[in-house]
Amino acid sequence: MAKIGKTFTIDIDIYNWLEQHAKDKNRKVSFVVNHALRQIKRESERWECPVCGEFNGKMNKSCYVLNDGVFCEGIAPKT
């Protein structure tokens, strides 16, 4: 996996929290930022079923949750 450098502008209170959080977790700041961005990316790649509340991948046009041998009838919202 390739890593690249990128500059971001953040508030000083966020920077201070980030530094302390990374220190508390014994991680590098870049690891903490990368991990947070990966979580946000994963969340944007799925949708919540309006029927059962479970999450499905963006490629799924309908819900794939199986309950009691029957698939949920939820349909992905239009975006």
Protein backbone atom coordinates (compact mmCIF):
# COMPACT_ATOMS: atom_id res chain seq x y z
CA MET A 1 0.00 0.00 0.00
CA ALA A 2 1.39 3.38 -0.99
CA LYS A 3 1.37 6.33 1.36
CA ILE A 4 1.39 9.95 0.23
CA GLY A 5 1.82 13.22 2.06
CA LYS A 6 -1.05 15.68 2.17
CA THR A 7 -1.55 18.97 3.99
CA PHE A 8 -4.79 19.70 5.82
CA THR A 9 -5.97 22.72 7.77
CA ILE A 10 -7.62 21.90 11.11
CA ASP A 11 -8.64 23.89 14.17
CA ILE A 12 -6.13 24.17 17.00
CA ASP A 13 -8.46 22.41 19.47
CA ILE A 14 -8.80 19.47 17.05
CA TYR A 15 -5.03 19.39 16.60
CA ASN A 16 -4.46 19.35 20.35
CA TRP A 17 -7.03 16.57 20.81
CA LEU A 18 -5.50 14.59 17.93
CA GLU A 19 -2.01 14.82 19.39
CA GLN A 20 -3.21 13.76 22.85
CA HIS A 21 -5.43 10.96 21.49
CA ALA A 22 -2.58 9.53 19.42
CA LYS A 23 -0.27 9.71 22.44
CA ASP A 24 -2.88 8.02 24.68
CA LYS A 25 -3.36 5.21 22.14
CA ASN A 26 0.39 4.90 21.52
CA ARG A 27 -0.14 5.52 17.79
CA LYS A 28 1.15 8.00 15.24
CA VAL A 29 -1.12 10.92 14.40
CA SER A 30 -1.17 9.79 10.76
CA PHE A 31 -2.50 6.38 11.84
CA VAL A 32 -5.34 7.98 13.81
CA VAL A 33 -6.31 10.27 10.91
CA ASN A 34 -6.11 7.45 8.34
CA HIS A 35 -8.22 5.18 10.57
CA ALA A 36 -10.90 7.86 11.01
CA LEU A 37 -11.04 8.54 7.27
CA ARG A 38 -11.34 4.81 6.52
CA GLN A 39 -14.34 4.57 8.88
CA ILE A 40 -16.03 7.52 7.18
CA LYS A 41 -15.34 5.96 3.76
CA ARG A 42 -16.87 2.63 4.85
CA GLU A 43 -19.99 4.40 6.14
CA SER A 44 -20.45 6.21 2.82
CA GLU A 45 -20.31 2.89 0.96
CA ARG A 46 -23.43 1.43 2.56
CA TRP A 47 -27.09 2.24 3.13
CA GLU A 48 -29.47 1.57 6.01
CA CYS A 49 -32.54 -0.55 5.22
CA PRO A 50 -35.72 1.42 5.98
CA VAL A 51 -37.54 -1.82 6.91
CA CYS A 52 -35.17 -3.71 9.21
CA GLY A 53 -32.50 -1.08 9.96
CA GLU A 54 -29.56 -3.27 8.87
CA PHE A 55 -26.79 -1.96 6.61
CA ASN A 56 -26.18 -3.11 3.02
CA GLY A 57 -23.49 -2.28 0.47
CA LYS A 58 -24.14 0.53 -2.04
CA MET A 59 -24.09 -2.03 -4.86
CA ASN A 60 -27.06 -3.86 -3.31
CA LYS A 61 -30.33 -2.54 -4.73
CA SER A 62 -32.35 -4.39 -2.09
CA CYS A 63 -31.77 -5.59 1.47
CA TYR A 64 -29.88 -8.86 1.87
CA VAL A 65 -30.69 -9.49 5.54
CA LEU A 66 -32.05 -12.98 6.12
CA ASN A 67 -34.41 -13.41 9.09
CA ASP A 68 -36.16 -16.71 9.81
CA GLY A 69 -35.39 -17.97 6.30
CA VAL A 70 -36.94 -14.91 4.59
CA PHE A 71 -35.07 -11.99 3.04
CA CYS A 72 -36.10 -8.50 4.12
CA GLU A 73 -38.05 -6.57 1.45
CA GLY A 74 -36.25 -3.28 2.02
CA ILE A 75 -35.18 -1.32 -1.07
CA ALA A 76 -32.21 1.04 -1.29
CA PRO A 77 -33.18 4.73 -1.15
CA LYS A 78 -32.76 6.77 -4.32
CA THR A 79 -29.69 9.01 -4.21
